Amino acid sequence: MKTLIVVSHPSMEASVINKRWVQELKKYPEKYTVHELYKMYPDGNIDVEKEQKWIESHDQLILQFPIYWFNCPPLLKKWLDDVFAYGWAYGSNGGDKLKNRKVGLAVSAGIKKEDYSEQGRYRYTLAQLLTPFEITFLYCHADYRSFFAFYGTEDAPGENMPDAENETPERQLEKSARDYLDFVDNL
């Protein structure tokens, strides 16, 4: 059972978490296909048929991205709009290519977990912010399996290097990568 990981990060070179996750996934090419949208389509012109075939040739699908203005990066939104087309992802004439396919999300939040709460700074949970993805997959009759999240420690915009009380950032990254692989393997 092979999993397609669609990675959408507009500045992967500057990433800490997503870059680490990709490095870890690439150690297991027999299990995971890492598909980086910004590398594949720097001009934003998506080859829809090719993308649909990528999905069809894999058993599971993960969308990996940083939370970007409380949503996904723009290229991933375009990818969803273009690839999940009528007649392929939903509707008549074969619109069932996502039916029963296990899918999930892997997101880096950058912001503290407690800030993603009804009492927190941003008033909504991460699950609430990701609801449009869940509904999209449910609409297409996919088997949505939830999300994996890495929360950061942002105190001010742009300040999101992971840190924890008794853990070095490197150990926290290692743990996050292991936990992410466990999430994908148990999708």
N, C-alpha and C. Protein backbone atom coordinates (compact mmCIF):
# COMPACT_ATOMS: atom_id res chain seq x y z
N MET A 1 0.83 -1.17 0.00
CA MET A 1 0.00 0.00 0.00
C MET A 1 0.89 1.25 0.00
N LYS A 2 0.84 2.02 -1.07
CA LYS A 2 1.69 3.19 -1.19
C LYS A 2 0.87 4.46 -1.02
N THR A 3 1.49 5.45 -0.38
CA THR A 3 0.81 6.71 -0.07
C THR A 3 1.42 7.84 -0.88
N LEU A 4 0.55 8.64 -1.51
CA LEU A 4 0.96 9.85 -2.20
C LEU A 4 0.87 11.01 -1.22
N ILE A 5 2.01 11.68 -1.01
CA ILE A 5 2.06 12.84 -0.14
C ILE A 5 2.19 14.06 -1.04
N VAL A 6 1.13 14.85 -1.13
CA VAL A 6 1.14 16.07 -1.92
C VAL A 6 1.56 17.20 -1.00
N VAL A 7 2.78 17.70 -1.23
CA VAL A 7 3.37 18.73 -0.38
C VAL A 7 3.22 20.08 -1.06
N SER A 8 2.69 21.02 -0.30
CA SER A 8 2.51 22.36 -0.84
C SER A 8 3.07 23.37 0.15
N HIS A 9 4.28 23.83 -0.14
CA HIS A 9 4.93 24.83 0.71
C HIS A 9 5.59 25.86 -0.20
N PRO A 10 5.16 27.12 -0.13
CA PRO A 10 5.67 28.13 -1.06
C PRO A 10 7.15 28.49 -0.87
N SER A 11 7.73 28.16 0.28
CA SER A 11 9.16 28.45 0.48
C SER A 11 9.78 27.31 1.28
N MET A 12 9.85 26.16 0.66
CA MET A 12 10.35 24.96 1.32
C MET A 12 11.78 25.13 1.84
N GLU A 13 12.58 25.90 1.11
CA GLU A 13 13.98 26.09 1.55
C GLU A 13 14.05 26.72 2.94
N ALA A 14 13.09 27.56 3.27
CA ALA A 14 13.08 28.25 4.56
C ALA A 14 12.30 27.48 5.62
N SER A 15 11.67 26.41 5.23
CA SER A 15 10.85 25.64 6.16
C SER A 15 11.71 24.88 7.17
N VAL A 16 11.19 24.69 8.32
CA VAL A 16 11.84 23.85 9.32
C VAL A 16 11.09 22.52 9.40
N ILE A 17 9.82 22.58 9.70
CA ILE A 17 9.03 21.38 9.93
C ILE A 17 8.76 20.62 8.63
N ASN A 18 8.15 21.28 7.64
CA ASN A 18 7.79 20.58 6.41
C ASN A 18 9.02 20.00 5.70
N LYS A 19 10.11 20.75 5.73
CA LYS A 19 11.34 20.24 5.10
C LYS A 19 11.81 18.97 5.82
N ARG A 20 11.73 18.96 7.13
CA ARG A 20 12.14 17.79 7.90
C ARG A 20 11.23 16.59 7.60
N TRP A 21 9.93 16.86 7.53
CA TRP A 21 9.00 15.78 7.22
C TRP A 21 9.30 15.19 5.85
N VAL A 22 9.57 16.03 4.86
CA VAL A 22 9.87 15.55 3.51
C VAL A 22 11.15 14.72 3.52
N GLN A 23 12.17 15.18 4.23
CA GLN A 23 13.42 14.41 4.33
C GLN A 23 13.16 13.02 4.90
N GLU A 24 12.34 12.96 5.92
CA GLU A 24 12.04 11.67 6.55
C GLU A 24 11.24 10.76 5.61
N LEU A 25 10.24 11.30 4.96
CA LEU A 25 9.42 10.52 4.03
C LEU A 25 10.26 9.95 2.89
N LYS A 26 11.20 10.74 2.39
CA LYS A 26 12.01 10.32 1.25
C LYS A 26 12.95 9.16 1.58
N LYS A 27 13.12 8.85 2.84
CA LYS A 27 13.92 7.69 3.24
C LYS A 27 13.22 6.38 2.91
N TYR A 28 11.92 6.45 2.61
CA TYR A 28 11.12 5.24 2.39
C TYR A 28 10.35 5.33 1.06
N PRO A 29 11.08 5.36 -0.06
CA PRO A 29 10.41 5.52 -1.36
C PRO A 29 9.50 4.34 -1.73
N GLU A 30 9.70 3.21 -1.10
CA GLU A 30 8.83 2.07 -1.36
C GLU A 30 7.45 2.25 -0.71
N LYS A 31 7.34 3.16 0.26
CA LYS A 31 6.08 3.37 0.96
C LYS A 31 5.40 4.70 0.60
N TYR A 32 6.22 5.72 0.29
CA TYR A 32 5.68 7.06 0.11
C TYR A 32 6.21 7.68 -1.19
N THR A 33 5.31 8.33 -1.90
CA THR A 33 5.70 9.16 -3.04
C THR A 33 5.52 10.61 -2.59
N VAL A 34 6.62 11.34 -2.54
CA VAL A 34 6.57 12.74 -2.14
C VAL A 34 6.46 13.58 -3.41
N HIS A 35 5.38 14.34 -3.49
CA HIS A 35 5.06 15.13 -4.69
C HIS A 35 4.97 16.60 -4.28
N GLU A 36 6.00 17.37 -4.60
CA GLU A 36 6.08 18.76 -4.17
C GLU A 36 5.51 19.68 -5.25
N LEU A 37 4.35 20.26 -4.96
CA LEU A 37 3.65 21.07 -5.96
C LEU A 37 4.42 22.30 -6.40
N TYR A 38 5.04 23.02 -5.48
CA TYR A 38 5.76 24.24 -5.86
C TYR A 38 7.00 23.95 -6.69
N LYS A 39 7.60 22.77 -6.52
CA LYS A 39 8.72 22.38 -7.39
C LYS A 39 8.21 21.96 -8.76
N MET A 40 7.10 21.22 -8.77
CA MET A 40 6.56 20.69 -10.01
C MET A 40 5.91 21.78 -10.87
N TYR A 41 5.26 22.74 -10.22
CA TYR A 41 4.51 23.76 -10.95
C TYR A 41 4.86 25.17 -10.47
N PRO A 42 6.10 25.60 -10.69
CA PRO A 42 6.49 26.94 -10.23
C PRO A 42 5.70 28.05 -10.93
N ASP A 43 5.18 27.75 -12.11
CA ASP A 43 4.38 28.74 -12.84
C ASP A 43 2.89 28.64 -12.51
N GLY A 44 2.51 27.65 -11.69
CA GLY A 44 1.12 27.50 -11.29
C GLY A 44 0.23 26.80 -12.29
N ASN A 45 0.79 26.36 -13.43
CA ASN A 45 0.00 25.66 -14.45
C ASN A 45 0.02 24.17 -14.15
N ILE A 46 -1.08 23.68 -13.64
CA ILE A 46 -1.19 22.29 -13.17
C ILE A 46 -1.62 21.38 -14.30
N ASP A 47 -0.92 20.26 -14.45
CA ASP A 47 -1.30 19.22 -15.41
C ASP A 47 -2.33 18.33 -14.72
N VAL A 48 -3.59 18.64 -14.93
CA VAL A 48 -4.68 17.99 -14.20
C VAL A 48 -4.71 16.48 -14.45
N GLU A 49 -4.61 16.07 -15.68
CA GLU A 49 -4.67 14.64 -15.99
C GLU A 49 -3.53 13.88 -15.31
N LYS A 50 -2.34 14.46 -15.34
CA LYS A 50 -1.18 13.83 -14.69
C LYS A 50 -1.41 13.71 -13.18
N GLU A 51 -1.95 14.76 -12.57
CA GLU A 51 -2.21 14.75 -11.13
C GLU A 51 -3.26 13.71 -10.78
N GLN A 52 -4.30 13.60 -11.58
CA GLN A 52 -5.34 12.61 -11.33
C GLN A 52 -4.77 11.20 -11.42
N LYS A 53 -3.89 10.98 -12.39
CA LYS A 53 -3.25 9.66 -12.52
C LYS A 53 -2.36 9.34 -11.33
N TRP A 54 -1.67 10.38 -10.81
CA TRP A 54 -0.84 10.19 -9.61
C TRP A 54 -1.71 9.67 -8.48
N ILE A 55 -2.85 10.32 -8.26
CA ILE A 55 -3.74 9.92 -7.18
C ILE A 55 -4.25 8.50 -7.41
N GLU A 56 -4.70 8.22 -8.63
CA GLU A 56 -5.25 6.91 -8.95
C GLU A 56 -4.23 5.79 -8.76
N SER A 57 -2.96 6.09 -8.92
CA SER A 57 -1.93 5.05 -8.82
C SER A 57 -1.46 4.81 -7.38
N HIS A 58 -2.08 5.48 -6.43
CA HIS A 58 -1.73 5.31 -5.02
C HIS A 58 -2.95 4.90 -4.22
N ASP A 59 -2.70 4.20 -3.12
CA ASP A 59 -3.79 3.72 -2.28
C ASP A 59 -4.32 4.79 -1.33
N GLN A 60 -3.43 5.67 -0.90
CA GLN A 60 -3.78 6.68 0.11
C GLN A 60 -3.25 8.03 -0.34
N LEU A 61 -3.86 9.09 0.23
CA LEU A 61 -3.48 10.46 -0.12
C LEU A 61 -3.36 11.30 1.13
N ILE A 62 -2.24 12.00 1.23
CA ILE A 62 -2.02 12.96 2.32
C ILE A 62 -1.74 14.31 1.67
N LEU A 63 -2.37 15.36 2.16
CA LEU A 63 -2.03 16.72 1.78
C LEU A 63 -1.21 17.31 2.92
N GLN A 64 0.01 17.71 2.61
CA GLN A 64 0.92 18.26 3.62
C GLN A 64 1.17 19.72 3.30
N PHE A 65 0.96 20.59 4.28
CA PHE A 65 1.14 22.03 4.05
C PHE A 65 1.23 22.79 5.36
N PRO A 66 1.82 23.99 5.30
CA PRO A 66 1.77 24.86 6.46
C PRO A 66 0.43 25.61 6.46
N ILE A 67 -0.08 25.88 7.63
CA ILE A 67 -1.25 26.75 7.72
C ILE A 67 -0.81 28.13 7.24
N TYR A 68 -1.51 28.62 6.28
CA TYR A 68 -1.10 29.82 5.55
C TYR A 68 -2.28 30.77 5.57
N TRP A 69 -2.20 31.79 6.41
CA TRP A 69 -3.33 32.70 6.60
C TRP A 69 -4.59 31.92 6.97
N PHE A 70 -4.41 30.95 7.88
CA PHE A 70 -5.50 30.15 8.43
C PHE A 70 -6.20 29.32 7.35
N ASN A 71 -5.44 28.92 6.36
CA ASN A 71 -5.93 28.10 5.26
C ASN A 71 -4.72 27.36 4.69
N CYS A 72 -4.83 26.93 3.45
CA CYS A 72 -3.70 26.27 2.79
C CYS A 72 -3.02 27.28 1.85
N PRO A 73 -1.80 26.98 1.42
CA PRO A 73 -1.14 27.84 0.43
C PRO A 73 -1.95 27.90 -0.87
N PRO A 74 -1.83 28.98 -1.61
CA PRO A 74 -2.66 29.19 -2.80
C PRO A 74 -2.52 28.12 -3.88
N LEU A 75 -1.34 27.57 -4.07
CA LEU A 75 -1.19 26.55 -5.11
C LEU A 75 -1.95 25.27 -4.75
N LEU A 76 -2.03 24.94 -3.48
CA LEU A 76 -2.80 23.77 -3.08
C LEU A 76 -4.29 24.00 -3.31
N LYS A 77 -4.76 25.19 -3.04
CA LYS A 77 -6.17 25.50 -3.30
C LYS A 77 -6.47 25.37 -4.79
N LYS A 78 -5.58 25.90 -5.63
CA LYS A 78 -5.75 25.78 -7.09
C LYS A 78 -5.71 24.31 -7.50
N TRP A 79 -4.79 23.56 -6.92
CA TRP A 79 -4.68 22.13 -7.22
C TRP A 79 -5.99 21.42 -6.90
N LEU A 80 -6.55 21.68 -5.72
CA LEU A 80 -7.82 21.06 -5.34
C LEU A 80 -8.93 21.45 -6.33
N ASP A 81 -9.00 22.74 -6.66
CA ASP A 81 -10.04 23.21 -7.59
C ASP A 81 -9.91 22.56 -8.96
N ASP A 82 -8.69 22.41 -9.43
CA ASP A 82 -8.46 21.87 -10.78
C ASP A 82 -8.54 20.34 -10.82
N VAL A 83 -7.90 19.68 -9.88
CA VAL A 83 -7.76 18.22 -9.91
C VAL A 83 -9.04 17.51 -9.47
N PHE A 84 -9.71 18.03 -8.47
CA PHE A 84 -10.93 17.39 -7.97
C PHE A 84 -12.11 17.84 -8.83
N ALA A 85 -12.05 17.51 -10.09
CA ALA A 85 -13.01 17.99 -11.08
C ALA A 85 -14.28 17.14 -11.12
N TYR A 86 -15.34 17.76 -11.60
CA TYR A 86 -16.60 17.07 -11.84
C TYR A 86 -16.35 15.96 -12.87
N GLY A 87 -16.91 14.80 -12.61
CA GLY A 87 -16.71 13.67 -13.52
C GLY A 87 -15.48 12.85 -13.16
N TRP A 88 -14.65 13.37 -12.27
CA TRP A 88 -13.49 12.60 -11.80
C TRP A 88 -13.62 12.37 -10.29
N ALA A 89 -13.69 13.45 -9.52
CA ALA A 89 -13.75 13.33 -8.07
C ALA A 89 -15.18 13.22 -7.55
N TYR A 90 -16.13 13.72 -8.31
CA TYR A 90 -17.53 13.69 -7.90
C TYR A 90 -18.41 13.81 -9.14
N GLY A 91 -19.70 13.58 -8.96
CA GLY A 91 -20.63 13.73 -10.07
C GLY A 91 -20.75 12.47 -10.89
N SER A 92 -21.43 12.61 -12.01
CA SER A 92 -21.69 11.46 -12.87
C SER A 92 -20.50 11.20 -13.80
N ASN A 93 -20.64 10.21 -14.63
CA ASN A 93 -19.61 9.85 -15.63
C ASN A 93 -18.27 9.52 -15.00
N GLY A 94 -18.28 8.68 -13.98
CA GLY A 94 -17.02 8.22 -13.39
C GLY A 94 -16.51 9.09 -12.27
N GLY A 95 -17.33 9.96 -11.74
CA GLY A 95 -16.88 10.87 -10.69
C GLY A 95 -16.74 10.22 -9.34
N ASP A 96 -15.98 9.15 -9.28
CA ASP A 96 -15.83 8.43 -8.02
C ASP A 96 -14.38 8.02 -7.73
N LYS A 97 -13.44 8.72 -8.29
CA LYS A 97 -12.04 8.30 -8.17
C LYS A 97 -11.47 8.45 -6.76
N LEU A 98 -12.15 9.22 -5.91
CA LEU A 98 -11.71 9.34 -4.52
C LEU A 98 -12.52 8.47 -3.57
N LYS A 99 -13.53 7.81 -4.10
CA LYS A 99 -14.44 7.02 -3.27
C LYS A 99 -13.67 5.96 -2.49
N ASN A 100 -13.86 6.00 -1.18
CA ASN A 100 -13.25 5.07 -0.22
C ASN A 100 -11.73 5.17 -0.13
N ARG A 101 -11.12 6.11 -0.81
CA ARG A 101 -9.67 6.29 -0.71
C ARG A 101 -9.36 6.94 0.64
N LYS A 102 -8.42 6.36 1.38
CA LYS A 102 -8.03 6.94 2.66
C LYS A 102 -7.25 8.22 2.40
N VAL A 103 -7.68 9.29 3.07
CA VAL A 103 -7.02 10.58 2.92
C VAL A 103 -6.86 11.24 4.29
N GLY A 104 -5.85 12.07 4.38
CA GLY A 104 -5.61 12.81 5.61
C GLY A 104 -4.81 14.06 5.31
N LEU A 105 -4.63 14.85 6.35
CA LEU A 105 -3.88 16.10 6.25
C LEU A 105 -2.71 16.06 7.22
N ALA A 106 -1.62 16.69 6.84
CA ALA A 106 -0.48 16.90 7.73
C ALA A 106 -0.14 18.38 7.64
N VAL A 107 -0.31 19.08 8.76
CA VAL A 107 -0.14 20.52 8.74
C VAL A 107 0.83 20.99 9.80
N SER A 108 1.56 22.02 9.45
CA SER A 108 2.38 22.71 10.44
C SER A 108 1.66 24.02 10.74
N ALA A 109 1.41 24.24 12.02
CA ALA A 109 0.57 25.36 12.41
C ALA A 109 1.36 26.62 12.76
N GLY A 110 2.58 26.47 13.24
CA GLY A 110 3.37 27.65 13.57
C GLY A 110 2.96 28.34 14.86
N ILE A 111 1.71 28.23 15.20
CA ILE A 111 1.15 28.92 16.36
C ILE A 111 0.94 27.91 17.48
N LYS A 112 1.00 28.38 18.70
CA LYS A 112 0.80 27.50 19.86
C LYS A 112 -0.57 26.84 19.82
N LYS A 113 -0.62 25.60 20.27
CA LYS A 113 -1.88 24.85 20.26
C LYS A 113 -2.96 25.59 21.05
N GLU A 114 -2.61 26.17 22.18
CA GLU A 114 -3.62 26.84 23.01
C GLU A 114 -4.20 28.08 22.33
N ASP A 115 -3.48 28.64 21.37
CA ASP A 115 -4.03 29.78 20.62
C ASP A 115 -5.10 29.34 19.63
N TYR A 116 -5.09 28.05 19.25
CA TYR A 116 -6.12 27.47 18.40
C TYR A 116 -7.19 26.84 19.31
N SER A 117 -7.95 27.68 19.97
CA SER A 117 -9.03 27.21 20.82
C SER A 117 -10.08 28.31 20.90
N GLU A 118 -11.26 27.94 21.36
CA GLU A 118 -12.32 28.93 21.46
C GLU A 118 -11.97 30.04 22.45
N GLN A 119 -11.12 29.72 23.43
CA GLN A 119 -10.69 30.72 24.39
C GLN A 119 -9.34 31.33 24.00
N GLY A 120 -8.74 30.82 22.97
CA GLY A 120 -7.40 31.26 22.57
C GLY A 120 -7.40 32.53 21.74
N ARG A 121 -6.21 32.92 21.37
CA ARG A 121 -6.00 34.16 20.63
C ARG A 121 -6.77 34.21 19.31
N TYR A 122 -6.96 33.05 18.65
CA TYR A 122 -7.59 33.05 17.34
C TYR A 122 -9.02 32.51 17.34
N ARG A 123 -9.55 32.11 18.51
CA ARG A 123 -10.95 31.76 18.74
C ARG A 123 -11.46 30.50 18.05
N TYR A 124 -10.66 29.86 17.26
CA TYR A 124 -11.09 28.65 16.57
C TYR A 124 -10.04 27.56 16.73
N THR A 125 -10.51 26.32 16.77
CA THR A 125 -9.57 25.21 16.84
C THR A 125 -9.02 24.93 15.44
N LEU A 126 -7.93 24.22 15.39
CA LEU A 126 -7.37 23.84 14.09
C LEU A 126 -8.35 22.91 13.36
N ALA A 127 -9.03 22.05 14.09
CA ALA A 127 -10.04 21.18 13.47
C ALA A 127 -11.13 22.01 12.79
N GLN A 128 -11.55 23.08 13.43
CA GLN A 128 -12.57 23.95 12.83
C GLN A 128 -12.03 24.62 11.57
N LEU A 129 -10.78 25.07 11.59
CA LEU A 129 -10.21 25.73 10.42
C LEU A 129 -10.03 24.76 9.26
N LEU A 130 -9.82 23.48 9.56
CA LEU A 130 -9.61 22.48 8.51
C LEU A 130 -10.91 21.82 8.04
N THR A 131 -12.04 22.24 8.58
CA THR A 131 -13.33 21.66 8.20
C THR A 131 -13.59 21.68 6.69
N PRO A 132 -13.24 22.74 5.94
CA PRO A 132 -13.49 22.68 4.49
C PRO A 132 -12.80 21.51 3.80
N PHE A 133 -11.63 21.10 4.27
CA PHE A 133 -10.95 19.94 3.68
C PHE A 133 -11.73 18.67 3.99
N GLU A 134 -12.14 18.53 5.24
CA GLU A 134 -12.92 17.36 5.64
C GLU A 134 -14.20 17.27 4.80
N ILE A 135 -14.92 18.36 4.66
CA ILE A 135 -16.17 18.36 3.91
C ILE A 135 -15.90 18.04 2.43
N THR A 136 -14.83 18.57 1.88
CA THR A 136 -14.47 18.26 0.49
C THR A 136 -14.28 16.77 0.30
N PHE A 137 -13.52 16.15 1.20
CA PHE A 137 -13.29 14.71 1.08
C PHE A 137 -14.57 13.92 1.30
N LEU A 138 -15.40 14.34 2.24
CA LEU A 138 -16.67 13.65 2.46
C LEU A 138 -17.58 13.79 1.24
N TYR A 139 -17.58 14.96 0.64
CA TYR A 139 -18.39 15.20 -0.56
C TYR A 139 -17.98 14.26 -1.69
N CYS A 140 -16.69 13.99 -1.76
CA CYS A 140 -16.16 13.09 -2.81
C CYS A 140 -16.19 11.63 -2.37
N HIS A 141 -16.80 11.34 -1.23
CA HIS A 141 -16.94 9.98 -0.70
C HIS A 141 -15.60 9.32 -0.38
N ALA A 142 -14.59 10.15 -0.09
CA ALA A 142 -13.31 9.61 0.35
C ALA A 142 -13.42 9.22 1.82
N ASP A 143 -12.46 8.46 2.27
CA ASP A 143 -12.42 8.01 3.67
C ASP A 143 -11.48 8.95 4.43
N TYR A 144 -12.01 10.09 4.84
CA TYR A 144 -11.20 11.09 5.53
C TYR A 144 -10.82 10.58 6.92
N ARG A 145 -9.51 10.64 7.22
CA ARG A 145 -8.98 10.09 8.46
C ARG A 145 -8.43 11.13 9.42
N SER A 146 -8.77 12.37 9.26
CA SER A 146 -8.37 13.43 10.17
C SER A 146 -7.02 14.04 9.76
N PHE A 147 -6.38 14.69 10.74
CA PHE A 147 -5.15 15.41 10.44
C PHE A 147 -4.10 15.18 11.50
N PHE A 148 -2.86 15.38 11.08
CA PHE A 148 -1.70 15.39 11.97
C PHE A 148 -1.21 16.83 11.99
N ALA A 149 -0.93 17.35 13.16
CA ALA A 149 -0.50 18.76 13.25
C ALA A 149 0.74 18.90 14.11
N PHE A 150 1.58 19.81 13.68
CA PHE A 150 2.71 20.25 14.50
C PHE A 150 2.46 21.71 14.82
N TYR A 151 2.35 21.99 16.11
CA TYR A 151 2.11 23.35 16.55
C TYR A 151 3.45 23.99 16.90
N GLY A 152 3.58 25.26 16.59
CA GLY A 152 4.80 26.00 16.90
C GLY A 152 4.66 26.76 18.20
N THR A 153 5.52 27.74 18.35
CA THR A 153 5.54 28.52 19.59
C THR A 153 5.51 30.00 19.30
N GLU A 154 4.84 30.39 18.26
CA GLU A 154 4.82 31.79 17.86
C GLU A 154 4.27 32.68 18.97
N ASP A 155 5.04 33.69 19.35
CA ASP A 155 4.56 34.73 20.26
C ASP A 155 4.23 35.99 19.49
N ALA A 156 4.89 36.13 18.35
CA ALA A 156 4.66 37.27 17.49
C ALA A 156 4.70 36.77 16.05
N PRO A 157 3.99 37.42 15.14
CA PRO A 157 4.01 36.96 13.74
C PRO A 157 5.44 36.76 13.23
N GLY A 158 5.65 35.62 12.57
CA GLY A 158 6.96 35.32 12.01
C GLY A 158 7.90 34.61 12.96
N GLU A 159 7.52 34.50 14.21
CA GLU A 159 8.38 33.87 15.21
C GLU A 159 7.85 32.47 15.49
N ASN A 160 8.38 31.48 14.76
CA ASN A 160 7.78 30.16 14.90
C ASN A 160 8.77 29.01 14.95
N MET A 161 9.96 29.25 15.40
CA MET A 161 10.92 28.16 15.56
C MET A 161 10.46 27.25 16.69
N PRO A 162 10.37 25.95 16.44
CA PRO A 162 9.89 25.05 17.49
C PRO A 162 10.83 25.05 18.70
N ASP A 163 10.25 24.96 19.85
CA ASP A 163 11.01 24.91 21.08
C ASP A 163 10.11 24.30 22.15
N ALA A 164 10.65 23.67 23.07
CA ALA A 164 9.87 23.12 24.18
C ALA A 164 10.72 23.12 25.42
N GLU A 165 10.06 23.12 26.56
CA GLU A 165 10.79 23.20 27.83
C GLU A 165 11.83 22.13 27.93
N ASN A 166 12.26 21.29 28.05
CA ASN A 166 13.25 20.29 28.24
C ASN A 166 13.60 19.56 26.94
N GLU A 167 13.30 20.13 25.81
CA GLU A 167 13.62 19.49 24.53
C GLU A 167 14.30 20.48 23.61
N THR A 168 15.35 20.02 22.99
CA THR A 168 15.98 20.87 21.98
C THR A 168 15.09 20.90 20.74
N PRO A 169 15.21 21.95 19.94
CA PRO A 169 14.43 21.98 18.69
C PRO A 169 14.70 20.75 17.82
N GLU A 170 15.93 20.27 17.78
CA GLU A 170 16.26 19.11 16.95
C GLU A 170 15.53 17.85 17.45
N ARG A 171 15.49 17.66 18.75
CA ARG A 171 14.77 16.48 19.30
C ARG A 171 13.28 16.59 19.03
N GLN A 172 12.76 17.80 19.12
CA GLN A 172 11.34 18.00 18.85
C GLN A 172 11.04 17.71 17.38
N LEU A 173 11.93 18.11 16.48
CA LEU A 173 11.75 17.82 15.05
C LEU A 173 11.80 16.33 14.78
N GLU A 174 12.75 15.64 15.41
CA GLU A 174 12.85 14.18 15.25
C GLU A 174 11.58 13.49 15.71
N LYS A 175 11.08 13.88 16.87
CA LYS A 175 9.86 13.29 17.40
C LYS A 175 8.68 13.58 16.46
N SER A 176 8.60 14.79 15.98
CA SER A 176 7.52 15.16 15.07
C SER A 176 7.57 14.31 13.80
N ALA A 177 8.76 14.10 13.24
CA ALA A 177 8.91 13.29 12.03
C ALA A 177 8.48 11.85 12.28
N ARG A 178 8.88 11.28 13.41
CA ARG A 178 8.47 9.91 13.76
C ARG A 178 6.96 9.81 13.93
N ASP A 179 6.40 10.79 14.64
CA ASP A 179 4.95 10.80 14.87
C ASP A 179 4.20 10.95 13.55
N TYR A 180 4.72 11.74 12.65
CA TYR A 180 4.09 11.94 11.35
C TYR A 180 4.09 10.63 10.55
N LEU A 181 5.23 9.94 10.52
CA LEU A 181 5.28 8.65 9.81
C LEU A 181 4.30 7.66 10.43
N ASP A 182 4.18 7.65 11.73
CA ASP A 182 3.20 6.77 12.40
C ASP A 182 1.78 7.11 11.96
N PHE A 183 1.48 8.41 11.87
CA PHE A 183 0.15 8.84 11.41
C PHE A 183 -0.13 8.32 10.01
N VAL A 184 0.83 8.50 9.11
CA VAL A 184 0.64 8.05 7.72
C VAL A 184 0.51 6.53 7.66
N ASP A 185 1.35 5.83 8.37
CA ASP A 185 1.32 4.37 8.35
C ASP A 185 0.02 3.81 8.93
N ASN A 186 -0.61 4.54 9.81
CA ASN A 186 -1.85 4.08 10.44
C ASN A 186 -3.09 4.76 9.87
N LEU A 187 -2.94 5.34 8.72
CA LEU A 187 -4.05 6.04 8.07
C LEU A 187 -5.12 5.01 7.80
